[in-house]
């Protein structure tokens, strides 16, 4: 199981499920393990299928303030939810500081996901630059690395 230390995530938002399929396939080809990946998308049969097939398990259904009902799975959820249902009350804007993003970045991720985008987070500090390059190359909008521990 992957630890969820703060500041070790790279995040991008694909415009829809179709683009996310391509980006996630590229991340896997680049050697990033499925257990390092997280997906958050508006609840839909397509998003559920994406999560089940890519992350080898059923999605969790939850509510994210500012986004709505989503399907999600992956290590970023543990980091963002904290000890309670913080995503339901605070959304991305109130919780993404835990993984190294400022609230203005989180509001962008929140808005893009609420519009039907698919948020993909990669938990892999040693491969953060590789993950960022793949996200950019395959349409992962506003892709960024959180304030990871290797940066001064």
Protein backbone atom coordinates (compact mmCIF):
# COMPACT_ATOMS: atom_id res chain seq x y z
CA UNK A 1 0.00 0.00 0.00
CA UNK A 2 1.24 3.48 -0.85
CA UNK A 3 1.76 6.05 1.93
CA UNK A 4 -0.03 9.36 1.56
CA UNK A 5 2.59 11.76 2.86
CA UNK A 6 1.63 15.35 2.13
CA UNK A 7 3.22 17.03 -0.83
CA UNK A 8 3.92 13.99 -2.97
CA UNK A 9 1.23 14.28 -5.64
CA UNK A 10 1.24 15.44 -9.24
CA UNK A 11 -2.22 16.43 -10.48
CA UNK A 12 -3.82 17.22 -13.82
CA UNK A 13 -7.41 17.40 -15.06
CA UNK A 14 -8.40 15.82 -18.36
CA UNK A 15 -11.30 17.44 -20.19
CA UNK A 16 -13.42 14.26 -20.16
CA UNK A 17 -13.35 10.49 -19.67
CA UNK A 18 -12.16 9.87 -23.23
CA UNK A 19 -9.05 12.02 -22.74
CA UNK A 20 -8.49 10.50 -19.30
CA UNK A 21 -8.38 6.97 -20.81
CA UNK A 22 -5.54 8.07 -23.10
CA UNK A 23 -3.64 9.88 -20.36
CA UNK A 24 -3.96 7.04 -17.85
CA UNK A 25 -2.79 4.51 -20.45
CA UNK A 26 0.26 6.71 -21.11
CA UNK A 27 1.01 7.00 -17.38
CA UNK A 28 0.88 3.20 -17.10
CA UNK A 29 3.14 2.78 -20.15
CA UNK A 30 5.57 5.20 -18.50
CA UNK A 31 5.86 2.75 -15.60
CA UNK A 32 3.64 4.44 -13.01
CA UNK A 33 1.87 1.76 -10.99
CA UNK A 34 -1.94 1.66 -10.74
CA UNK A 35 -1.71 1.87 -6.94
CA UNK A 36 0.01 5.27 -7.28
CA UNK A 37 -2.89 6.65 -9.37
CA UNK A 38 -6.05 8.38 -8.18
CA UNK A 39 -9.09 9.38 -10.21
CA UNK A 40 -11.93 11.76 -9.29
CA UNK A 41 -14.76 12.41 -11.76
CA UNK A 42 -18.42 13.34 -11.73
CA UNK A 43 -20.47 10.21 -11.05
CA UNK A 44 -21.39 8.53 -14.34
CA UNK A 45 -21.28 5.03 -15.80
CA UNK A 46 -18.29 6.07 -17.97
CA UNK A 47 -16.34 7.38 -14.97
CA UNK A 48 -17.15 4.23 -13.00
CA UNK A 49 -15.88 2.06 -15.85
CA UNK A 50 -12.70 4.11 -16.16
CA UNK A 51 -11.94 3.68 -12.46
CA UNK A 52 -12.81 -0.01 -12.34
CA UNK A 53 -10.67 -0.90 -15.35
CA UNK A 54 -7.74 1.42 -14.68
CA UNK A 55 -7.46 1.04 -10.91
CA UNK A 56 -8.70 -2.56 -10.67
CA UNK A 57 -11.50 -1.88 -8.21
CA UNK A 58 -14.89 -0.33 -7.69
CA UNK A 59 -15.08 3.43 -7.31
CA UNK A 60 -16.06 5.08 -4.07
CA UNK A 61 -19.12 7.30 -4.33
CA UNK A 62 -18.82 10.56 -2.41
CA UNK A 63 -19.75 14.21 -2.45
CA UNK A 64 -17.18 16.94 -2.95
CA UNK A 65 -18.21 20.47 -2.00
CA UNK A 66 -18.04 22.69 -5.07
CA UNK A 67 -18.11 19.69 -7.44
CA UNK A 68 -21.05 17.46 -6.51
CA UNK A 69 -21.43 13.68 -6.52
CA UNK A 70 -18.28 11.97 -7.75
CA UNK A 71 -16.78 8.54 -8.26
CA UNK A 72 -13.24 8.33 -6.95
CA UNK A 73 -10.50 5.90 -6.00
CA UNK A 74 -6.84 6.11 -5.03
CA UNK A 75 -4.38 7.36 -2.43
CA UNK A 76 -5.23 11.04 -2.85
CA UNK A 77 -8.62 10.40 -1.23
CA UNK A 78 -7.08 9.36 2.10
CA UNK A 79 -4.93 12.47 2.13
CA UNK A 80 -7.78 14.83 1.26
CA UNK A 81 -10.51 13.28 3.42
CA UNK A 82 -8.47 13.45 6.61
CA UNK A 83 -10.14 11.91 9.63
CA UNK A 84 -13.67 12.78 8.49
CA UNK A 85 -15.58 13.72 5.38
CA UNK A 86 -13.61 16.92 4.77
CA UNK A 87 -14.13 16.74 1.01
CA UNK A 88 -17.89 16.94 1.56
CA UNK A 89 -17.63 20.09 3.67
CA UNK A 90 -14.47 21.83 2.41
CA UNK A 91 -14.04 20.55 -1.16
CA UNK A 92 -10.70 20.66 -2.91
CA UNK A 93 -10.15 24.31 -2.00
CA UNK A 94 -10.13 23.49 1.71
CA UNK A 95 -8.19 20.24 1.61
CA UNK A 96 -5.52 20.36 -1.10
CA UNK A 97 -3.07 22.24 1.11
CA UNK A 98 -2.50 18.84 2.74
CA UNK A 99 -0.83 17.62 -0.45
CA UNK A 100 1.10 20.76 -1.32
CA UNK A 101 -1.33 22.82 -3.42
CA UNK A 102 -2.50 26.33 -2.64
CA UNK A 103 -6.22 27.04 -2.45
CA UNK A 104 -6.26 28.94 -5.76
CA UNK A 105 -4.84 25.85 -7.55
CA UNK A 106 -7.42 23.69 -5.79
CA UNK A 107 -10.27 25.98 -6.90
CA UNK A 108 -9.13 25.53 -10.51
CA UNK A 109 -9.09 21.72 -10.09
CA UNK A 110 -12.52 21.97 -8.45
CA UNK A 111 -14.01 24.06 -11.28
CA UNK A 112 -12.58 21.83 -14.02
CA UNK A 113 -13.83 18.67 -12.33
CA UNK A 114 -17.29 20.19 -11.74
CA UNK A 115 -17.48 20.92 -15.50
CA UNK A 116 -16.96 17.25 -16.33
CA UNK A 117 -13.19 17.02 -16.20
CA UNK A 118 -11.42 13.97 -14.77
CA UNK A 119 -8.89 14.74 -12.05
CA UNK A 120 -5.91 12.38 -12.06
CA UNK A 121 -3.38 12.42 -9.22
CA UNK A 122 -0.12 10.51 -9.18
CA UNK A 123 1.46 9.68 -5.83
CA UNK A 124 5.11 9.26 -6.73
CA UNK A 125 7.60 11.91 -5.72
CA UNK A 126 10.60 10.22 -7.37
CA UNK A 127 8.68 10.18 -10.67
CA UNK A 128 6.87 13.53 -10.28
CA UNK A 129 8.60 15.13 -13.28
CA UNK A 130 7.85 12.08 -15.45
CA UNK A 131 4.20 12.14 -14.39
CA UNK A 132 3.97 15.88 -15.10
CA UNK A 133 5.44 15.43 -18.58
CA UNK A 134 2.95 12.68 -19.41
CA UNK A 135 0.01 14.73 -18.10
CA UNK A 136 1.04 17.69 -20.25
CA UNK A 137 1.66 15.54 -23.33
CA UNK A 138 -1.74 13.84 -23.13
CA UNK A 139 -3.99 16.79 -22.31
CA UNK A 140 -3.91 16.92 -18.52
CA UNK A 141 -4.86 20.57 -18.06
CA UNK A 142 -3.41 22.70 -15.29
CA UNK A 143 -1.03 19.86 -14.43
CA UNK A 144 1.25 20.66 -11.52
CA UNK A 145 3.41 19.09 -8.85
CA UNK A 146 2.48 19.78 -5.26
CA UNK A 147 5.08 21.24 -2.92
CA UNK A 148 7.05 18.02 -2.78
CA UNK A 149 9.68 17.34 -0.14
CA UNK A 150 12.61 17.51 -2.59
CA UNK A 151 11.98 21.17 -3.33
CA UNK A 152 13.41 23.98 -1.22
